[in-house]
Amino acid sequence: VKKICEFWGDPHIKSFDGARLSFYGDGEFWIVKSDAVKIQGLYKGTKWTHGLAATSKIVVSGSFVQDRKIVVGSLETGDITVDGMPVLTSFPSTYSLDGTASLSYNSEGELVDKGDHDLASKRIVHMDLSSHVRITVMRWENYIDFKIEMPQQPDQDGSCGNFNGRADDDTTEQIMERLGARVADGELLFQHRHVVAFTAEMQAMLAAQCTGASLAKATSECQMELPAASAADLNTLNSCLFDHCFGYNQHALRTAKTYGV
């Protein structure tokens, strides 16, 4: 049975099991982690979100695509690539990946988030992949929305949840406890780590609303969950704390705006 996971905005997520959760800190995250299907995302703040992260790009890899790496990001991130080489360089266009994948780039299909978008500006990448996996990415100027349709994989987890039929264990905090707060160094599919920013609004919100026992618990968990080098970086640690303290809050951006500095 195939189910759908959807990402939109800063990134709000509807997991395969129907949970609603958010990740607001910068960094590289597992979206889907399994033996065969591997999808990671770069979550990165924009000026429109007061530093709260939106999805900047995703990378798709794993044995189900013969360990090739397909990268699709926002319009400002540049080319769509396969193994570092630009593809789908014209619009519309199509690209075949050795019989394991068919990619197309056009303006067809429904948006995940229909608000505040000029339909004439739609730039949508469709990935029809092996193992009955289909990924649709809507490219906007400085972020992407996307949806993943796929059957359950053995030992699956990630920001899209663990696909076990239960929504209650697909919380931001529980997912980071199971997988780590960011992708481990040896598992990174992107070519390099990205610079993590943490805005004054996020700092003020963290200081005002994540205190005492909540802050102590989040700090302890982030120190365990982050890759060692990342845990030593204050911005990355703060980004992790923000996810632990506010990942349940679908309206954190609304709150962050009240801390305008």
C-alpha atoms as a PDB file:
ATOM      1  CA  VAL A   1       0.000   0.000   0.000  1.00  0.00           C
ATOM      2  CA  LYS A   2       1.400   3.395  -0.978  1.00  0.00           C
ATOM      3  CA  LYS A   3       1.002   6.460   1.214  1.00  0.00           C
ATOM      4  CA  ILE A   4       1.946  10.130   0.793  1.00  0.00           C
ATOM      5  CA  CYS A   5       4.189  12.421   2.836  1.00  0.00           C
ATOM      6  CA  GLU A   6       3.933  16.167   2.144  1.00  0.00           C
ATOM      7  CA  PHE A   7       6.266  19.085   2.906  1.00  0.00           C
ATOM      8  CA  TRP A   8       5.399  22.753   2.507  1.00  0.00           C
ATOM      9  CA  GLY A   9       6.604  26.120   3.768  1.00  0.00           C
ATOM     10  CA  ASP A  10       8.881  26.313   6.786  1.00  0.00           C
ATOM     11  CA  PRO A  11       8.779  23.001   6.637  1.00  0.00           C
ATOM     12  CA  HIS A  12       5.385  21.827   7.768  1.00  0.00           C
ATOM     13  CA  ILE A  13       5.067  18.106   7.288  1.00  0.00           C
ATOM     14  CA  LYS A  14       2.250  15.610   7.027  1.00  0.00           C
ATOM     15  CA  SER A  15       3.863  12.227   7.655  1.00  0.00           C
ATOM     16  CA  PHE A  16       2.993   8.975   5.913  1.00  0.00           C
ATOM     17  CA  ASP A  17       0.940   8.107   9.008  1.00  0.00           C
ATOM     18  CA  GLY A  18      -0.870  11.458   9.037  1.00  0.00           C
ATOM     19  CA  ALA A  19       1.027  13.238  11.832  1.00  0.00           C
ATOM     20  CA  ARG A  20       1.551  17.009  11.596  1.00  0.00           C
ATOM     21  CA  LEU A  21       5.016  18.186  12.594  1.00  0.00           C
ATOM     22  CA  SER A  22       7.601  20.856  11.794  1.00  0.00           C
ATOM     23  CA  PHE A  23      11.363  21.315  11.726  1.00  0.00           C
ATOM     24  CA  TYR A  24      12.542  24.920  12.080  1.00  0.00           C
ATOM     25  CA  GLY A  25      16.310  24.676  12.589  1.00  0.00           C
ATOM     26  CA  ASP A  26      18.879  24.759   9.771  1.00  0.00           C
ATOM     27  CA  GLY A  27      20.828  21.703   8.689  1.00  0.00           C
ATOM     28  CA  GLU A  28      20.782  18.410   6.805  1.00  0.00           C
ATOM     29  CA  PHE A  29      18.031  15.992   7.837  1.00  0.00           C
ATOM     30  CA  TRP A  30      16.843  12.523   6.933  1.00  0.00           C
ATOM     31  CA  ILE A  31      13.497  12.720   5.131  1.00  0.00           C
ATOM     32  CA  VAL A  32      13.348   8.989   4.361  1.00  0.00           C
ATOM     33  CA  LYS A  33      15.983   6.616   5.718  1.00  0.00           C
ATOM     34  CA  SER A  34      15.781   2.927   4.834  1.00  0.00           C
ATOM     35  CA  ASP A  35      18.079   0.279   3.423  1.00  0.00           C
ATOM     36  CA  ALA A  36      17.104   0.916  -0.200  1.00  0.00           C
ATOM     37  CA  VAL A  37      15.465   4.368  -0.325  1.00  0.00           C
ATOM     38  CA  LYS A  38      17.482   7.310   1.021  1.00  0.00           C
ATOM     39  CA  ILE A  39      16.226  10.901   0.855  1.00  0.00           C
ATOM     40  CA  GLN A  40      17.839  13.801   2.704  1.00  0.00           C
ATOM     41  CA  GLY A  41      16.824  17.455   2.869  1.00  0.00           C
ATOM     42  CA  LEU A  42      18.613  20.715   3.504  1.00  0.00           C
ATOM     43  CA  TYR A  43      16.407  22.868   5.729  1.00  0.00           C
ATOM     44  CA  LYS A  44      17.510  26.494   5.610  1.00  0.00           C
ATOM     45  CA  GLY A  45      16.095  29.807   6.812  1.00  0.00           C
ATOM     46  CA  THR A  46      14.944  32.550   4.454  1.00  0.00           C
ATOM     47  CA  LYS A  47      14.385  36.262   4.972  1.00  0.00           C
ATOM     48  CA  TRP A  48      10.647  35.663   4.494  1.00  0.00           C
ATOM     49  CA  THR A  49      10.553  33.166   7.389  1.00  0.00           C
ATOM     50  CA  HIS A  50      12.598  35.248   9.870  1.00  0.00           C
ATOM     51  CA  GLY A  51      15.261  32.532   9.855  1.00  0.00           C
ATOM     52  CA  LEU A  52      12.918  29.605  10.465  1.00  0.00           C
ATOM     53  CA  ALA A  53      13.933  26.913   8.001  1.00  0.00           C
ATOM     54  CA  ALA A  54      12.189  25.992   4.775  1.00  0.00           C
ATOM     55  CA  THR A  55      13.342  23.124   2.559  1.00  0.00           C
ATOM     56  CA  SER A  56      16.099  24.430   0.281  1.00  0.00           C
ATOM     57  CA  LYS A  57      16.825  21.187  -1.595  1.00  0.00           C
ATOM     58  CA  ILE A  58      16.610  17.410  -1.420  1.00  0.00           C
ATOM     59  CA  VAL A  59      18.914  14.615  -2.533  1.00  0.00           C
ATOM     60  CA  VAL A  60      17.539  11.214  -3.529  1.00  0.00           C
ATOM     61  CA  SER A  61      19.797   8.157  -3.524  1.00  0.00           C
ATOM     62  CA  GLY A  62      20.017   4.524  -2.415  1.00  0.00           C
ATOM     63  CA  SER A  63      20.165   1.137  -4.087  1.00  0.00           C
ATOM     64  CA  PHE A  64      16.705   1.628  -5.597  1.00  0.00           C
ATOM     65  CA  VAL A  65      18.295   4.155  -7.990  1.00  0.00           C
ATOM     66  CA  GLN A  66      21.615   2.283  -8.181  1.00  0.00           C
ATOM     67  CA  ASP A  67      23.134   4.730  -5.666  1.00  0.00           C
ATOM     68  CA  ARG A  68      22.934   7.639  -8.096  1.00  0.00           C
ATOM     69  CA  LYS A  69      22.332  11.052  -6.496  1.00  0.00           C
ATOM     70  CA  ILE A  70      19.462  13.207  -7.761  1.00  0.00           C
ATOM     71  CA  VAL A  71      19.470  16.758  -6.337  1.00  0.00           C
ATOM     72  CA  VAL A  72      16.543  19.166  -6.763  1.00  0.00           C
ATOM     73  CA  GLY A  73      16.438  22.520  -5.011  1.00  0.00           C
ATOM     74  CA  SER A  74      14.820  25.928  -5.124  1.00  0.00           C
ATOM     75  CA  LEU A  75      15.321  28.091  -8.207  1.00  0.00           C
ATOM     76  CA  GLU A  76      18.070  30.094  -6.499  1.00  0.00           C
ATOM     77  CA  THR A  77      20.102  26.947  -5.704  1.00  0.00           C
ATOM     78  CA  GLY A  78      20.781  26.414  -9.409  1.00  0.00           C
ATOM     79  CA  ASP A  79      20.728  23.322 -11.585  1.00  0.00           C
ATOM     80  CA  ILE A  80      18.859  20.087 -11.045  1.00  0.00           C
ATOM     81  CA  THR A  81      21.646  17.467 -11.045  1.00  0.00           C
ATOM     82  CA  VAL A  82      22.270  13.741 -11.291  1.00  0.00           C
ATOM     83  CA  ASP A  83      25.646  12.736  -9.837  1.00  0.00           C
ATOM     84  CA  GLY A  84      26.687  16.385  -9.977  1.00  0.00           C
ATOM     85  CA  MET A  85      25.870  16.845 -13.675  1.00  0.00           C
ATOM     86  CA  PRO A  86      23.084  19.275 -14.714  1.00  0.00           C
ATOM     87  CA  VAL A  87      19.914  17.703 -16.153  1.00  0.00           C
ATOM     88  CA  LEU A  88      16.505  19.094 -17.140  1.00  0.00           C
ATOM     89  CA  THR A  89      18.249  22.301 -18.152  1.00  0.00           C
ATOM     90  CA  SER A  90      15.390  23.497 -20.362  1.00  0.00           C
ATOM     91  CA  PHE A  91      11.727  23.975 -19.518  1.00  0.00           C
ATOM     92  CA  PRO A  92       9.806  21.800 -20.108  1.00  0.00           C
ATOM     93  CA  SER A  93      12.094  18.768 -20.478  1.00  0.00           C
ATOM     94  CA  THR A  94      12.521  15.087 -19.617  1.00  0.00           C
ATOM     95  CA  TYR A  95      15.438  12.870 -18.575  1.00  0.00           C
ATOM     96  CA  SER A  96      15.796   9.087 -18.310  1.00  0.00           C
ATOM     97  CA  LEU A  97      18.104   7.552 -15.720  1.00  0.00           C
ATOM     98  CA  ASP A  98      19.318   4.172 -16.999  1.00  0.00           C
ATOM     99  CA  GLY A  99      15.907   2.573 -16.732  1.00  0.00           C
ATOM    100  CA  THR A 100      15.668   3.181 -12.970  1.00  0.00           C
ATOM    101  CA  ALA A 101      14.088   6.612 -13.115  1.00  0.00           C
ATOM    102  CA  SER A 102      12.176   8.936 -15.382  1.00  0.00           C
ATOM    103  CA  LEU A 103      12.407  12.650 -14.599  1.00  0.00           C
ATOM    104  CA  SER A 104      10.302  15.405 -16.089  1.00  0.00           C
ATOM    105  CA  TYR A 105      10.176  19.169 -15.549  1.00  0.00           C
ATOM    106  CA  ASN A 106       7.020  21.088 -16.426  1.00  0.00           C
ATOM    107  CA  SER A 107       4.143  23.130 -15.007  1.00  0.00           C
ATOM    108  CA  GLU A 108       1.736  20.206 -14.616  1.00  0.00           C
ATOM    109  CA  GLY A 109       0.233  18.920 -11.389  1.00  0.00           C
ATOM    110  CA  GLU A 110      -1.430  20.166  -8.210  1.00  0.00           C
ATOM    111  CA  LEU A 111       0.487  22.174  -5.625  1.00  0.00           C
ATOM    112  CA  VAL A 112       0.956  20.906  -2.083  1.00  0.00           C
ATOM    113  CA  ASP A 113       0.416  24.467  -0.795  1.00  0.00           C
ATOM    114  CA  LYS A 114      -1.999  26.408  -2.992  1.00  0.00           C
ATOM    115  CA  GLY A 115      -1.744  29.701  -1.095  1.00  0.00           C
ATOM    116  CA  ASP A 116       0.156  32.778  -2.271  1.00  0.00           C
ATOM    117  CA  HIS A 117       1.432  31.295  -5.523  1.00  0.00           C
ATOM    118  CA  ASP A 118       1.020  32.519  -9.076  1.00  0.00           C
ATOM    119  CA  LEU A 119      -0.021  29.388 -10.957  1.00  0.00           C
ATOM    120  CA  ALA A 120       1.747  30.707 -14.058  1.00  0.00           C
ATOM    121  CA  SER A 121       5.063  30.416 -12.199  1.00  0.00           C
ATOM    122  CA  LYS A 122       4.773  26.696 -11.459  1.00  0.00           C
ATOM    123  CA  ARG A 123       8.041  24.787 -11.973  1.00  0.00           C
ATOM    124  CA  ILE A 124       7.461  21.157 -11.019  1.00  0.00           C
ATOM    125  CA  VAL A 125       9.897  18.229 -11.132  1.00  0.00           C
ATOM    126  CA  HIS A 126       8.330  14.773 -11.357  1.00  0.00           C
ATOM    127  CA  MET A 127      10.461  11.751 -10.423  1.00  0.00           C
ATOM    128  CA  ASP A 128       9.041   8.341 -11.319  1.00  0.00           C
ATOM    129  CA  LEU A 129      11.462   5.972  -9.646  1.00  0.00           C
ATOM    130  CA  SER A 130      11.811   2.232  -9.167  1.00  0.00           C
ATOM    131  CA  SER A 131      10.195   0.410  -6.224  1.00  0.00           C
ATOM    132  CA  HIS A 132       6.962   2.358  -6.904  1.00  0.00           C
ATOM    133  CA  VAL A 133       8.400   5.600  -5.505  1.00  0.00           C
ATOM    134  CA  ARG A 134       7.147   8.877  -6.954  1.00  0.00           C
ATOM    135  CA  ILE A 135       8.444  12.282  -5.825  1.00  0.00           C
ATOM    136  CA  THR A 136       6.982  15.606  -6.960  1.00  0.00           C
ATOM    137  CA  VAL A 137       8.935  18.800  -6.210  1.00  0.00           C
ATOM    138  CA  MET A 138       7.526  22.324  -6.604  1.00  0.00           C
ATOM    139  CA  ARG A 139      10.432  24.751  -7.094  1.00  0.00           C
ATOM    140  CA  TRP A 140       9.947  28.308  -5.829  1.00  0.00           C
ATOM    141  CA  GLU A 141      12.502  31.118  -5.711  1.00  0.00           C
ATOM    142  CA  ASN A 142      14.087  30.292  -2.343  1.00  0.00           C
ATOM    143  CA  TYR A 143      12.463  27.065  -1.121  1.00  0.00           C
ATOM    144  CA  ILE A 144      10.694  23.926  -2.336  1.00  0.00           C
ATOM    145  CA  ASP A 145       7.468  22.137  -1.488  1.00  0.00           C
ATOM    146  CA  PHE A 146       7.227  18.436  -2.299  1.00  0.00           C
ATOM    147  CA  LYS A 147       5.388  15.187  -1.796  1.00  0.00           C
ATOM    148  CA  ILE A 148       6.626  11.607  -1.727  1.00  0.00           C
ATOM    149  CA  GLU A 149       4.370   8.707  -2.623  1.00  0.00           C
ATOM    150  CA  MET A 150       5.770   5.265  -1.856  1.00  0.00           C
ATOM    151  CA  PRO A 151       5.114   1.883  -0.195  1.00  0.00           C
ATOM    152  CA  GLN A 152       6.494   1.131   3.261  1.00  0.00           C
ATOM    153  CA  GLN A 153      10.160   0.119   3.429  1.00  0.00           C
ATOM    154  CA  PRO A 154      11.758  -2.140   6.063  1.00  0.00           C
ATOM    155  CA  ASP A 155      13.137  -0.170   9.047  1.00  0.00           C
ATOM    156  CA  GLN A 156      11.979   3.141   7.561  1.00  0.00           C
ATOM    157  CA  ASP A 157      12.208   6.436   9.446  1.00  0.00           C
ATOM    158  CA  GLY A 158      12.886  10.142   8.852  1.00  0.00           C
ATOM    159  CA  SER A 159      11.110  13.485   8.894  1.00  0.00           C
ATOM    160  CA  CYS A 160       8.273  11.755   7.011  1.00  0.00           C
ATOM    161  CA  GLY A 161       7.869   9.404   9.972  1.00  0.00           C
ATOM    162  CA  ASN A 162       8.366   5.679  10.389  1.00  0.00           C
ATOM    163  CA  PHE A 163       5.359   4.523   8.295  1.00  0.00           C
ATOM    164  CA  ASN A 164       4.132   2.105  10.997  1.00  0.00           C
ATOM    165  CA  GLY A 165       0.470   3.085  10.880  1.00  0.00           C
ATOM    166  CA  ARG A 166       0.705   5.219  14.031  1.00  0.00           C
ATOM    167  CA  ALA A 167       0.748   9.018  13.958  1.00  0.00           C
ATOM    168  CA  ASP A 168       1.513   9.458  17.659  1.00  0.00           C
ATOM    169  CA  ASP A 169       5.199   8.497  17.381  1.00  0.00           C
ATOM    170  CA  ASP A 170       5.938  10.831  14.440  1.00  0.00           C
ATOM    171  CA  THR A 171       6.789  13.896  16.517  1.00  0.00           C
ATOM    172  CA  THR A 172       9.799  16.118  15.826  1.00  0.00           C
ATOM    173  CA  GLU A 173      11.314  15.165  19.173  1.00  0.00           C
ATOM    174  CA  GLN A 174      10.792  11.401  18.810  1.00  0.00           C
ATOM    175  CA  ILE A 175      12.166  11.329  15.268  1.00  0.00           C
ATOM    176  CA  MET A 176      15.329  13.159  16.354  1.00  0.00           C
ATOM    177  CA  GLU A 177      15.677  10.786  19.321  1.00  0.00           C
ATOM    178  CA  ARG A 178      15.486   7.779  16.983  1.00  0.00           C
ATOM    179  CA  LEU A 179      17.685   9.059  14.137  1.00  0.00           C
ATOM    180  CA  GLY A 180      19.775  11.875  15.557  1.00  0.00           C
ATOM    181  CA  ALA A 181      19.080  15.578  15.235  1.00  0.00           C
ATOM    182  CA  ARG A 182      20.952  15.907  11.920  1.00  0.00           C
ATOM    183  CA  VAL A 183      22.419  13.483   9.361  1.00  0.00           C
ATOM    184  CA  ALA A 184      25.560  11.813  10.733  1.00  0.00           C
ATOM    185  CA  ASP A 185      28.851  12.781   9.082  1.00  0.00           C
ATOM    186  CA  GLY A 186      29.400   9.376   7.479  1.00  0.00           C
ATOM    187  CA  GLU A 187      25.870   9.261   6.036  1.00  0.00           C
ATOM    188  CA  LEU A 188      25.724  12.714   4.396  1.00  0.00           C
ATOM    189  CA  LEU A 189      24.555  12.500   0.765  1.00  0.00           C
ATOM    190  CA  PHE A 190      25.092  16.188   0.009  1.00  0.00           C
ATOM    191  CA  GLN A 191      28.594  17.132  -1.136  1.00  0.00           C
ATOM    192  CA  HIS A 192      29.282  19.151   2.014  1.00  0.00           C
ATOM    193  CA  ARG A 193      27.774  20.535   5.197  1.00  0.00           C
ATOM    194  CA  HIS A 194      25.993  23.856   4.862  1.00  0.00           C
ATOM    195  CA  VAL A 195      26.413  26.922   7.059  1.00  0.00           C
ATOM    196  CA  VAL A 196      23.849  27.021   9.858  1.00  0.00           C
ATOM    197  CA  ALA A 197      22.299  30.383  10.739  1.00  0.00           C
ATOM    198  CA  PHE A 198      20.295  31.262  13.847  1.00  0.00           C
ATOM    199  CA  THR A 199      18.477  34.595  13.795  1.00  0.00           C
ATOM    200  CA  ALA A 200      17.951  37.150  16.537  1.00  0.00           C
ATOM    201  CA  GLU A 201      14.193  36.436  16.473  1.00  0.00           C
ATOM    202  CA  MET A 202      14.796  32.713  16.995  1.00  0.00           C
ATOM    203  CA  GLN A 203      17.307  33.459  19.777  1.00  0.00           C
ATOM    204  CA  ALA A 204      14.838  35.748  21.551  1.00  0.00           C
ATOM    205  CA  MET A 205      12.013  33.211  21.233  1.00  0.00           C
ATOM    206  CA  LEU A 206      14.258  30.417  22.528  1.00  0.00           C
ATOM    207  CA  ALA A 207      15.385  32.503  25.506  1.00  0.00           C
ATOM    208  CA  ALA A 208      11.827  33.533  26.411  1.00  0.00           C
ATOM    209  CA  GLN A 209       9.901  30.297  25.857  1.00  0.00           C
ATOM    210  CA  CYS A 210      12.360  27.402  26.209  1.00  0.00           C
ATOM    211  CA  THR A 211      13.608  27.611  29.795  1.00  0.00           C
ATOM    212  CA  GLY A 212      14.196  25.562  32.936  1.00  0.00           C
ATOM    213  CA  ALA A 213      13.534  21.831  32.693  1.00  0.00           C
ATOM    214  CA  SER A 214      12.500  22.065  29.032  1.00  0.00           C
ATOM    215  CA  LEU A 215      15.785  23.702  28.069  1.00  0.00           C
ATOM    216  CA  ALA A 216      17.826  21.275  30.169  1.00  0.00           C
ATOM    217  CA  LYS A 217      16.111  18.267  28.591  1.00  0.00           C
ATOM    218  CA  ALA A 218      16.515  19.664  25.056  1.00  0.00           C
ATOM    219  CA  THR A 219      20.195  20.479  25.666  1.00  0.00           C
ATOM    220  CA  SER A 220      20.941  16.976  26.933  1.00  0.00           C
ATOM    221  CA  GLU A 221      19.137  15.388  23.975  1.00  0.00           C
ATOM    222  CA  CYS A 222      20.804  17.625  21.373  1.00  0.00           C
ATOM    223  CA  GLN A 223      24.250  16.882  22.740  1.00  0.00           C
ATOM    224  CA  MET A 224      23.527  13.178  22.257  1.00  0.00           C
ATOM    225  CA  GLU A 225      21.738  13.495  18.917  1.00  0.00           C
ATOM    226  CA  LEU A 226      24.020  15.862  16.988  1.00  0.00           C
ATOM    227  CA  PRO A 227      27.164  14.720  15.154  1.00  0.00           C
ATOM    228  CA  ALA A 228      30.105  15.618  17.400  1.00  0.00           C
ATOM    229  CA  ALA A 229      31.452  18.507  15.321  1.00  0.00           C
ATOM    230  CA  SER A 230      27.968  19.945  14.850  1.00  0.00           C
ATOM    231  CA  ALA A 231      27.210  19.799  18.579  1.00  0.00           C
ATOM    232  CA  ALA A 232      30.219  22.061  19.179  1.00  0.00           C
ATOM    233  CA  ASP A 233      28.810  24.740  16.830  1.00  0.00           C
ATOM    234  CA  LEU A 234      26.582  27.104  18.806  1.00  0.00           C
ATOM    235  CA  ASN A 235      24.235  27.895  15.899  1.00  0.00           C
ATOM    236  CA  THR A 236      23.703  24.183  15.181  1.00  0.00           C
ATOM    237  CA  LEU A 237      23.104  23.442  18.858  1.00  0.00           C
ATOM    238  CA  ASN A 238      20.599  26.312  19.081  1.00  0.00           C
ATOM    239  CA  SER A 239      18.856  25.104  15.903  1.00  0.00           C
ATOM    240  CA  CYS A 240      18.477  21.660  17.474  1.00  0.00           C
ATOM    241  CA  LEU A 241      17.155  23.189  20.718  1.00  0.00           C
ATOM    242  CA  PHE A 242      14.610  25.183  18.700  1.00  0.00           C
ATOM    243  CA  ASP A 243      13.357  21.994  17.002  1.00  0.00           C
ATOM    244  CA  HIS A 244      13.011  20.200  20.339  1.00  0.00           C
ATOM    245  CA  CYS A 245      11.206  23.108  21.987  1.00  0.00           C
ATOM    246  CA  PHE A 246       8.949  24.231  19.137  1.00  0.00           C
ATOM    247  CA  GLY A 247       8.694  21.393  16.587  1.00  0.00           C
ATOM    248  CA  TYR A 248       5.186  20.618  17.828  1.00  0.00           C
ATOM    249  CA  ASN A 249       4.073  24.203  17.054  1.00  0.00           C
ATOM    250  CA  GLN A 250       2.660  24.608  13.549  1.00  0.00           C
ATOM    251  CA  HIS A 251       2.606  28.396  14.044  1.00  0.00           C
ATOM    252  CA  ALA A 252       6.128  29.077  15.313  1.00  0.00           C
ATOM    253  CA  LEU A 253       6.695  31.603  12.514  1.00  0.00           C
ATOM    254  CA  ARG A 254       3.769  33.667  13.772  1.00  0.00           C
ATOM    255  CA  THR A 255       5.353  33.659  17.239  1.00  0.00           C
ATOM    256  CA  ALA A 256       8.871  34.392  15.936  1.00  0.00           C
ATOM    257  CA  LYS A 257       7.579  37.513  14.160  1.00  0.00           C
ATOM    258  CA  THR A 258       6.552  38.949  17.526  1.00  0.00           C
ATOM    259  CA  TYR A 259      10.211  38.867  18.535  1.00  0.00           C
ATOM    260  CA  GLY A 260      11.248  41.144  15.665  1.00  0.00           C
ATOM    261  CA  VAL A 261      14.570  42.713  16.628  1.00  0.00           C
END
